[in-house]
PDB file of N, CA and C in Angstrom:
ATOM      1  N   MET A   1     -35.725  11.449-170.911  1.00  0.00           N
ATOM      2  CA  MET A   1     -36.773  12.083-170.151  1.00  0.00           C
ATOM      3  C   MET A   1     -37.990  12.219-171.061  1.00  0.00           C
ATOM      4  N   ARG A   2     -39.133  11.887-170.528  1.00  0.00           N
ATOM      5  CA  ARG A   2     -40.371  11.972-171.309  1.00  0.00           C
ATOM      6  C   ARG A   2     -40.850  13.417-171.410  1.00  0.00           C
ATOM      7  N   LEU A   3     -41.620  13.700-172.457  1.00  0.00           N
ATOM      8  CA  LEU A   3     -42.135  15.050-172.696  1.00  0.00           C
ATOM      9  C   LEU A   3     -43.002  15.536-171.533  1.00  0.00           C
ATOM     10  N   GLY A   4     -43.838  14.661-170.975  1.00  0.00           N
ATOM     11  CA  GLY A   4     -44.690  15.038-169.842  1.00  0.00           C
ATOM     12  C   GLY A   4     -43.875  15.482-168.644  1.00  0.00           C
ATOM     13  N   THR A   5     -42.763  14.803-168.403  1.00  0.00           N
ATOM     14  CA  THR A   5     -41.890  15.167-167.290  1.00  0.00           C
ATOM     15  C   THR A   5     -41.258  16.529-167.531  1.00  0.00           C
ATOM     16  N   VAL A   6     -40.834  16.768-168.766  1.00  0.00           N
ATOM     17  CA  VAL A   6     -40.219  18.051-169.107  1.00  0.00           C
ATOM     18  C   VAL A   6     -41.217  19.189-168.918  1.00  0.00           C
ATOM     19  N   ILE A   7     -42.452  18.992-169.363  1.00  0.00           N
ATOM     20  CA  ILE A   7     -43.481  20.027-169.213  1.00  0.00           C
ATOM     21  C   ILE A   7     -43.779  20.280-167.744  1.00  0.00           C
ATOM     22  N   THR A   8     -43.854  19.224-166.949  1.00  0.00           N
ATOM     23  CA  THR A   8     -44.106  19.372-165.516  1.00  0.00           C
ATOM     24  C   THR A   8     -42.982  20.153-164.851  1.00  0.00           C
ATOM     25  N   LEU A   9     -41.737  19.824-165.178  1.00  0.00           N
ATOM     26  CA  LEU A   9     -40.599  20.532-164.597  1.00  0.00           C
ATOM     27  C   LEU A   9     -40.578  21.992-165.033  1.00  0.00           C
ATOM     28  N   ALA A  10     -40.911  22.251-166.287  1.00  0.00           N
ATOM     29  CA  ALA A  10     -40.949  23.630-166.773  1.00  0.00           C
ATOM     30  C   ALA A  10     -42.050  24.415-166.064  1.00  0.00           C
ATOM     31  N   SER A  11     -43.193  23.796-165.844  1.00  0.00           N
ATOM     32  CA  SER A  11     -44.288  24.462-165.131  1.00  0.00           C
ATOM     33  C   SER A  11     -43.887  24.778-163.698  1.00  0.00           C
ATOM     34  N   ALA A  12     -43.192  23.863-163.063  1.00  0.00           N
ATOM     35  CA  ALA A  12     -42.729  24.090-161.694  1.00  0.00           C
ATOM     36  C   ALA A  12     -41.743  25.246-161.653  1.00  0.00           C
ATOM     37  N   ALA A  13     -40.864  25.326-162.632  1.00  0.00           N
ATOM     38  CA  ALA A  13     -39.881  26.413-162.675  1.00  0.00           C
ATOM     39  C   ALA A  13     -40.570  27.759-162.868  1.00  0.00           C
ATOM     40  N   VAL A  14     -41.584  27.819-163.700  1.00  0.00           N
ATOM     41  CA  VAL A  14     -42.333  29.059-163.901  1.00  0.00           C
ATOM     42  C   VAL A  14     -43.028  29.451-162.609  1.00  0.00           C
ATOM     43  N   GLY A  15     -43.591  28.489-161.886  1.00  0.00           N
ATOM     44  CA  GLY A  15     -44.239  28.769-160.609  1.00  0.00           C
ATOM     45  C   GLY A  15     -43.266  29.339-159.598  1.00  0.00           C
ATOM     46  N   LEU A  16     -42.052  28.814-159.573  1.00  0.00           N
ATOM     47  CA  LEU A  16     -41.049  29.328-158.653  1.00  0.00           C
ATOM     48  C   LEU A  16     -40.624  30.735-159.037  1.00  0.00           C
ATOM     49  N   ALA A  17     -40.540  30.998-160.321  1.00  0.00           N
ATOM     50  CA  ALA A  17     -40.103  32.306-160.787  1.00  0.00           C
ATOM     51  C   ALA A  17     -41.115  33.393-160.436  1.00  0.00           C
ATOM     52  N   SER A  18     -42.375  33.030-160.290  1.00  0.00           N
ATOM     53  CA  SER A  18     -43.394  34.031-159.994  1.00  0.00           C
ATOM     54  C   SER A  18     -43.894  33.917-158.554  1.00  0.00           C
ATOM     55  N   ALA A  19     -43.050  33.421-157.671  1.00  0.00           N
ATOM     56  CA  ALA A  19     -43.432  33.252-156.270  1.00  0.00           C
ATOM     57  C   ALA A  19     -43.676  34.612-155.622  1.00  0.00           C
ATOM     58  N   GLU A  20     -44.474  34.603-154.587  1.00  0.00           N
ATOM     59  CA  GLU A  20     -44.745  35.817-153.836  1.00  0.00           C
ATOM     60  C   GLU A  20     -44.265  35.628-152.405  1.00  0.00           C
ATOM     61  N   VAL A  21     -43.966  36.729-151.747  1.00  0.00           N
ATOM     62  CA  VAL A  21     -43.506  36.709-150.369  1.00  0.00           C
ATOM     63  C   VAL A  21     -44.553  37.428-149.526  1.00  0.00           C
ATOM     64  N   TRP A  22     -44.976  36.810-148.438  1.00  0.00           N
ATOM     65  CA  TRP A  22     -45.961  37.423-147.545  1.00  0.00           C
ATOM     66  C   TRP A  22     -45.240  38.270-146.501  1.00  0.00           C
ATOM     67  N   VAL A  23     -45.702  39.511-146.325  1.00  0.00           N
ATOM     68  CA  VAL A  23     -45.081  40.441-145.387  1.00  0.00           C
ATOM     69  C   VAL A  23     -46.152  40.998-144.451  1.00  0.00           C
ATOM     70  N   PRO A  24     -46.048  40.725-143.141  1.00  0.00           N
ATOM     71  CA  PRO A  24     -46.998  41.312-142.196  1.00  0.00           C
ATOM     72  C   PRO A  24     -46.642  42.777-141.942  1.00  0.00           C
ATOM     73  N   VAL A  25     -47.662  43.621-141.820  1.00  0.00           N
ATOM     74  CA  VAL A  25     -47.470  45.038-141.529  1.00  0.00           C
ATOM     75  C   VAL A  25     -48.053  45.298-140.146  1.00  0.00           C
ATOM     76  N   GLN A  26     -47.279  45.945-139.277  1.00  0.00           N
ATOM     77  CA  GLN A  26     -47.723  46.192-137.907  1.00  0.00           C
ATOM     78  C   GLN A  26     -49.037  46.967-137.899  1.00  0.00           C
ATOM     79  N   ASN A  27     -49.972  46.523-137.062  1.00  0.00           N
ATOM     80  CA  ASN A  27     -51.310  47.115-136.938  1.00  0.00           C
ATOM     81  C   ASN A  27     -52.079  47.102-138.257  1.00  0.00           C
ATOM     82  N   ASP A  28     -51.801  46.141-139.091  1.00  0.00           N
ATOM     83  CA  ASP A  28     -52.463  46.028-140.386  1.00  0.00           C
ATOM     84  C   ASP A  28     -52.483  44.558-140.783  1.00  0.00           C
ATOM     85  N   ALA A  29     -52.758  44.302-142.011  1.00  0.00           N
ATOM     86  CA  ALA A  29     -52.876  42.940-142.533  1.00  0.00           C
ATOM     87  C   ALA A  29     -51.522  42.415-143.024  1.00  0.00           C
ATOM     88  N   VAL A  30     -51.574  41.244-143.649  1.00  0.00           N
ATOM     89  CA  VAL A  30     -50.405  40.639-144.290  1.00  0.00           C
ATOM     90  C   VAL A  30     -50.566  40.861-145.788  1.00  0.00           C
ATOM     91  N   TYR A  31     -49.513  41.349-146.419  1.00  0.00           N
ATOM     92  CA  TYR A  31     -49.557  41.662-147.843  1.00  0.00           C
ATOM     93  C   TYR A  31     -48.631  40.741-148.621  1.00  0.00           C
ATOM     94  N   SER A  32     -48.952  40.562-149.880  1.00  0.00           N
ATOM     95  CA  SER A  32     -48.156  39.723-150.764  1.00  0.00           C
ATOM     96  C   SER A  32     -47.314  40.609-151.669  1.00  0.00           C
ATOM     97  N   LEU A  33     -46.000  40.383-151.651  1.00  0.00           N
ATOM     98  CA  LEU A  33     -45.093  41.120-152.527  1.00  0.00           C
ATOM     99  C   LEU A  33     -44.617  40.206-153.642  1.00  0.00           C
ATOM    100  N   PRO A  34     -44.604  40.691-154.868  1.00  0.00           N
ATOM    101  CA  PRO A  34     -44.031  39.883-155.950  1.00  0.00           C
ATOM    102  C   PRO A  34     -42.562  39.603-155.652  1.00  0.00           C
ATOM    103  N   ASP A  35     -42.124  38.403-155.926  1.00  0.00           N
ATOM    104  CA  ASP A  35     -40.754  37.997-155.648  1.00  0.00           C
ATOM    105  C   ASP A  35     -39.743  38.899-156.352  1.00  0.00           C
ATOM    106  N   GLY A  36     -40.090  39.442-157.496  1.00  0.00           N
ATOM    107  CA  GLY A  36     -39.172  40.261-158.271  1.00  0.00           C
ATOM    108  C   GLY A  36     -38.841  41.607-157.657  1.00  0.00           C
ATOM    109  N   ARG A  37     -39.547  42.006-156.606  1.00  0.00           N
ATOM    110  CA  ARG A  37     -39.273  43.303-155.975  1.00  0.00           C
ATOM    111  C   ARG A  37     -38.010  43.291-155.125  1.00  0.00           C
ATOM    112  N   GLY A  38     -37.552  42.141-154.747  1.00  0.00           N
ATOM    113  CA  GLY A  38     -36.368  42.078-153.899  1.00  0.00           C
ATOM    114  C   GLY A  38     -36.699  41.558-152.513  1.00  0.00           C
ATOM    115  N   GLN A  39     -35.710  41.590-151.658  1.00  0.00           N
ATOM    116  CA  GLN A  39     -35.832  41.071-150.292  1.00  0.00           C
ATOM    117  C   GLN A  39     -36.805  41.935-149.488  1.00  0.00           C
ATOM    118  N   PRO A  40     -37.813  41.317-148.856  1.00  0.00           N
ATOM    119  CA  PRO A  40     -38.782  42.100-148.085  1.00  0.00           C
ATOM    120  C   PRO A  40     -38.179  42.687-146.816  1.00  0.00           C
ATOM    121  N   CYS A  41     -38.815  43.724-146.309  1.00  0.00           N
ATOM    122  CA  CYS A  41     -38.372  44.360-145.073  1.00  0.00           C
ATOM    123  C   CYS A  41     -38.565  43.383-143.917  1.00  0.00           C
ATOM    124  N   SER A  42     -37.466  42.925-143.379  1.00  0.00           N
ATOM    125  CA  SER A  42     -37.520  41.962-142.280  1.00  0.00           C
ATOM    126  C   SER A  42     -36.158  41.894-141.613  1.00  0.00           C
ATOM    127  N   GLY A  43     -36.128  41.261-140.470  1.00  0.00           N
ATOM    128  CA  GLY A  43     -34.870  41.066-139.764  1.00  0.00           C
ATOM    129  C   GLY A  43     -35.049  41.248-138.274  1.00  0.00           C
ATOM    130  N   THR A  44     -34.041  40.851-137.520  1.00  0.00           N
ATOM    131  CA  THR A  44     -34.121  40.954-136.069  1.00  0.00           C
ATOM    132  C   THR A  44     -33.046  41.852-135.478  1.00  0.00           C
ATOM    133  N   GLY A  45     -32.075  42.257-136.249  1.00  0.00           N
ATOM    134  CA  GLY A  45     -30.992  43.087-135.739  1.00  0.00           C
ATOM    135  C   GLY A  45     -31.192  44.555-136.050  1.00  0.00           C
ATOM    136  N   ALA A  46     -30.104  45.309-135.904  1.00  0.00           N
ATOM    137  CA  ALA A  46     -30.151  46.745-136.176  1.00  0.00           C
ATOM    138  C   ALA A  46     -30.345  47.037-137.658  1.00  0.00           C
ATOM    139  N   MET A  47     -29.856  46.172-138.512  1.00  0.00           N
ATOM    140  CA  MET A  47     -29.982  46.360-139.960  1.00  0.00           C
ATOM    141  C   MET A  47     -30.934  45.317-140.537  1.00  0.00           C
ATOM    142  N   PRO A  48     -31.849  45.732-141.390  1.00  0.00           N
ATOM    143  CA  PRO A  48     -32.788  44.777-141.989  1.00  0.00           C
ATOM    144  C   PRO A  48     -32.116  43.883-143.016  1.00  0.00           C
ATOM    145  N   LEU A  49     -32.736  42.732-143.262  1.00  0.00           N
ATOM    146  CA  LEU A  49     -32.256  41.837-144.312  1.00  0.00           C
ATOM    147  C   LEU A  49     -32.636  42.381-145.682  1.00  0.00           C
ATOM    148  N   GLY A  50     -33.701  43.132-145.749  1.00  0.00           N
ATOM    149  CA  GLY A  50     -34.163  43.732-146.997  1.00  0.00           C
ATOM    150  C   GLY A  50     -34.911  45.013-146.695  1.00  0.00           C
ATOM    151  N   LEU A  51     -35.249  45.753-147.714  1.00  0.00           N
ATOM    152  CA  LEU A  51     -35.916  47.037-147.521  1.00  0.00           C
ATOM    153  C   LEU A  51     -37.242  47.157-148.256  1.00  0.00           C
ATOM    154  N   GLU A  52     -37.642  46.131-148.967  1.00  0.00           N
ATOM    155  CA  GLU A  52     -38.852  46.205-149.790  1.00  0.00           C
ATOM    156  C   GLU A  52     -40.094  46.004-148.930  1.00  0.00           C
ATOM    157  N   CYS A  53     -40.998  46.965-148.957  1.00  0.00           N
ATOM    158  CA  CYS A  53     -42.225  46.927-148.166  1.00  0.00           C
ATOM    159  C   CYS A  53     -43.439  46.985-149.089  1.00  0.00           C
ATOM    160  N   PRO A  54     -44.620  46.660-148.565  1.00  0.00           N
ATOM    161  CA  PRO A  54     -45.826  46.810-149.381  1.00  0.00           C
ATOM    162  C   PRO A  54     -45.967  48.251-149.876  1.00  0.00           C
ATOM    163  N   ARG A  55     -46.460  48.383-151.092  1.00  0.00           N
ATOM    164  CA  ARG A  55     -46.636  49.695-151.714  1.00  0.00           C
ATOM    165  C   ARG A  55     -48.116  50.030-151.833  1.00  0.00           C
ATOM    166  N   LYS A  56     -48.390  51.290-152.059  1.00  0.00           N
ATOM    167  CA  LYS A  56     -49.764  51.744-152.244  1.00  0.00           C
ATOM    168  C   LYS A  56     -50.423  50.912-153.339  1.00  0.00           C
ATOM    169  N   GLY A  57     -51.600  50.365-153.019  1.00  0.00           N
ATOM    170  CA  GLY A  57     -52.333  49.556-153.985  1.00  0.00           C
ATOM    171  C   GLY A  57     -52.099  48.063-153.863  1.00  0.00           C
ATOM    172  N   ASP A  58     -51.102  47.632-153.071  1.00  0.00           N
ATOM    173  CA  ASP A  58     -50.876  46.196-152.885  1.00  0.00           C
ATOM    174  C   ASP A  58     -52.061  45.585-152.146  1.00  0.00           C
ATOM    175  N   MET A  59     -52.343  44.330-152.447  1.00  0.00           N
ATOM    176  CA  MET A  59     -53.498  43.644-151.874  1.00  0.00           C
ATOM    177  C   MET A  59     -53.116  42.826-150.638  1.00  0.00           C
ATOM    178  N   ALA A  60     -53.979  42.867-149.623  1.00  0.00           N
ATOM    179  CA  ALA A  60     -53.790  42.033-148.441  1.00  0.00           C
ATOM    180  C   ALA A  60     -54.165  40.598-148.779  1.00  0.00           C
ATOM    181  N   VAL A  61     -53.442  39.651-148.182  1.00  0.00           N
ATOM    182  CA  VAL A  61     -53.717  38.235-148.424  1.00  0.00           C
ATOM    183  C   VAL A  61     -54.153  37.513-147.155  1.00  0.00           C
ATOM    184  N   SER A  62     -54.025  38.174-146.001  1.00  0.00           N
ATOM    185  CA  SER A  62     -54.371  37.523-144.741  1.00  0.00           C
ATOM    186  C   SER A  62     -54.574  38.585-143.658  1.00  0.00           C
ATOM    187  N   ASP A  63     -55.293  38.198-142.608  1.00  0.00           N
ATOM    188  CA  ASP A  63     -55.498  39.033-141.418  1.00  0.00           C
ATOM    189  C   ASP A  63     -56.125  40.390-141.721  1.00  0.00           C
ATOM    190  N   CYS A  64     -57.041  40.417-142.644  1.00  0.00           N
ATOM    191  CA  CYS A  64     -57.752  41.651-142.985  1.00  0.00           C
ATOM    192  C   CYS A  64     -59.044  41.672-142.157  1.00  0.00           C
ATOM    193  N   HIS A  65     -59.150  42.610-141.211  1.00  0.00           N
ATOM    194  CA  HIS A  65     -60.281  42.662-140.285  1.00  0.00           C
ATOM    195  C   HIS A  65     -60.993  44.007-140.377  1.00  0.00           C
ATOM    196  N   SER A  66     -62.249  44.035-139.968  1.00  0.00           N
ATOM    197  CA  SER A  66     -63.055  45.252-140.070  1.00  0.00           C
ATOM    198  C   SER A  66     -62.526  46.400-139.215  1.00  0.00           C
ATOM    199  N   GLY A  67     -61.716  46.119-138.219  1.00  0.00           N
ATOM    200  CA  GLY A  67     -61.157  47.171-137.377  1.00  0.00           C
ATOM    201  C   GLY A  67     -59.955  47.873-137.987  1.00  0.00           C
ATOM    202  N   LEU A  68     -59.498  47.412-139.127  1.00  0.00           N
ATOM    203  CA  LEU A  68     -58.322  47.997-139.769  1.00  0.00           C
ATOM    204  C   LEU A  68     -58.728  49.061-140.778  1.00  0.00           C
ATOM    205  N   GLU A  69     -57.891  50.082-140.911  1.00  0.00           N
ATOM    206  CA  GLU A  69     -58.153  51.130-141.895  1.00  0.00           C
ATOM    207  C   GLU A  69     -58.180  50.559-143.311  1.00  0.00           C
ATOM    208  N   THR A  70     -57.388  49.537-143.539  1.00  0.00           N
ATOM    209  CA  THR A  70     -57.298  48.948-144.881  1.00  0.00           C
ATOM    210  C   THR A  70     -58.203  47.733-145.009  1.00  0.00           C
ATOM    211  N   PHE A  71     -59.387  47.790-144.402  1.00  0.00           N
ATOM    212  CA  PHE A  71     -60.281  46.639-144.410  1.00  0.00           C
ATOM    213  C   PHE A  71     -60.675  46.195-145.812  1.00  0.00           C
ATOM    214  N   ASP A  72     -60.602  47.083-146.789  1.00  0.00           N
ATOM    215  CA  ASP A  72     -60.934  46.686-148.162  1.00  0.00           C
ATOM    216  C   ASP A  72     -59.772  45.960-148.840  1.00  0.00           C
ATOM    217  N   ASP A  73     -58.757  45.608-148.066  1.00  0.00           N
ATOM    218  CA  ASP A  73     -57.627  44.795-148.522  1.00  0.00           C
ATOM    219  C   ASP A  73     -56.646  45.510-149.442  1.00  0.00           C
ATOM    220  N   VAL A  74     -56.648  46.825-149.485  1.00  0.00           N
ATOM    221  CA  VAL A  74     -55.706  47.551-150.339  1.00  0.00           C
ATOM    222  C   VAL A  74     -54.991  48.593-149.491  1.00  0.00           C
ATOM    223  N   THR A  75     -53.655  48.662-149.605  1.00  0.00           N
ATOM    224  CA  THR A  75     -52.917  49.664-148.839  1.00  0.00           C
ATOM    225  C   THR A  75     -53.290  51.059-149.314  1.00  0.00           C
ATOM    226  N   ARG A  76     -53.412  51.984-148.375  1.00  0.00           N
ATOM    227  CA  ARG A  76     -53.772  53.366-148.688  1.00  0.00           C
ATOM    228  C   ARG A  76     -52.542  54.200-149.060  1.00  0.00           C
ATOM    229  N   GLY A  77     -51.410  53.840-148.524  1.00  0.00           N
ATOM    230  CA  GLY A  77     -50.179  54.591-148.769  1.00  0.00           C
ATOM    231  C   GLY A  77     -49.005  53.644-148.734  1.00  0.00           C
ATOM    232  N   TYR A  78     -47.834  54.187-148.725  1.00  0.00           N
ATOM    233  CA  TYR A  78     -46.634  53.364-148.705  1.00  0.00           C
ATOM    234  C   TYR A  78     -46.283  53.009-147.269  1.00  0.00           C
ATOM    235  N   THR A  79     -45.861  51.787-147.062  1.00  0.00           N
ATOM    236  CA  THR A  79     -45.373  51.376-145.753  1.00  0.00           C
ATOM    237  C   THR A  79     -43.866  51.595-145.736  1.00  0.00           C
ATOM    238  N   PHE A  80     -43.277  51.542-144.561  1.00  0.00           N
ATOM    239  CA  PHE A  80     -41.836  51.739-144.461  1.00  0.00           C
ATOM    240  C   PHE A  80     -41.274  50.785-143.431  1.00  0.00           C
ATOM    241  N   PHE A  81     -39.972  50.549-143.527  1.00  0.00           N
ATOM    242  CA  PHE A  81     -39.307  49.654-142.595  1.00  0.00           C
ATOM    243  C   PHE A  81     -38.921  50.441-141.360  1.00  0.00           C
ATOM    244  N   ALA A  82     -39.230  49.898-140.202  1.00  0.00           N
ATOM    245  CA  ALA A  82     -38.819  50.492-138.936  1.00  0.00           C
ATOM    246  C   ALA A  82     -38.703  49.377-137.911  1.00  0.00           C
ATOM    247  N   LYS A  83     -37.735  49.488-137.044  1.00  0.00           N
ATOM    248  CA  LYS A  83     -37.592  48.513-135.971  1.00  0.00           C
ATOM    249  C   LYS A  83     -38.753  48.720-135.011  1.00  0.00           C
ATOM    250  N   ILE A  84     -39.466  47.642-134.696  1.00  0.00           N
ATOM    251  CA  ILE A  84     -40.628  47.757-133.825  1.00  0.00           C
ATOM    252  C   ILE A  84     -40.286  47.316-132.412  1.00  0.00           C
ATOM    253  N   LYS A  85     -40.989  47.852-131.456  1.00  0.00           N
ATOM    254  CA  LYS A  85     -40.820  47.440-130.068  1.00  0.00           C
ATOM    255  C   LYS A  85     -41.603  46.153-129.877  1.00  0.00           C
ATOM    256  N   THR A  86     -40.943  45.123-129.378  1.00  0.00           N
ATOM    257  CA  THR A  86     -41.596  43.833-129.214  1.00  0.00           C
ATOM    258  C   THR A  86     -41.996  43.546-127.782  1.00  0.00           C
ATOM    259  N   GLY A  87     -41.460  44.292-126.829  1.00  0.00           N
ATOM    260  CA  GLY A  87     -41.741  44.012-125.434  1.00  0.00           C
ATOM    261  C   GLY A  87     -40.832  42.945-124.850  1.00  0.00           C
ATOM    262  N   VAL A  88     -39.957  42.402-125.682  1.00  0.00           N
ATOM    263  CA  VAL A  88     -39.006  41.391-125.220  1.00  0.00           C
ATOM    264  C   VAL A  88     -37.758  42.109-124.740  1.00  0.00           C
ATOM    265  N   PRO A  89     -37.314  41.838-123.488  1.00  0.00           N
ATOM    266  CA  PRO A  89     -36.119  42.537-122.971  1.00  0.00           C
ATOM    267  C   PRO A  89     -34.856  42.170-123.721  1.00  0.00           C
TER     268      PRO A  89
END
């Protein structure tokens, strides 16, 4: 294996290790969680797949609009996991 290939593979591995997970927050924006925090709050059943939610000070990465309280792209407080009503019977 050539040195350039090894460096490229090592760079790819570092990129994967520092991946982020995008988590939408109801009536708010989408936030980025560092991968190291654990499984994000999500799921479709009675029990979530994970419990990690955006924390105070986390930055929004998408869907940040002037009508939102967090329009400056920073969470004001801690979010929490809760089953939401979807309107689907």
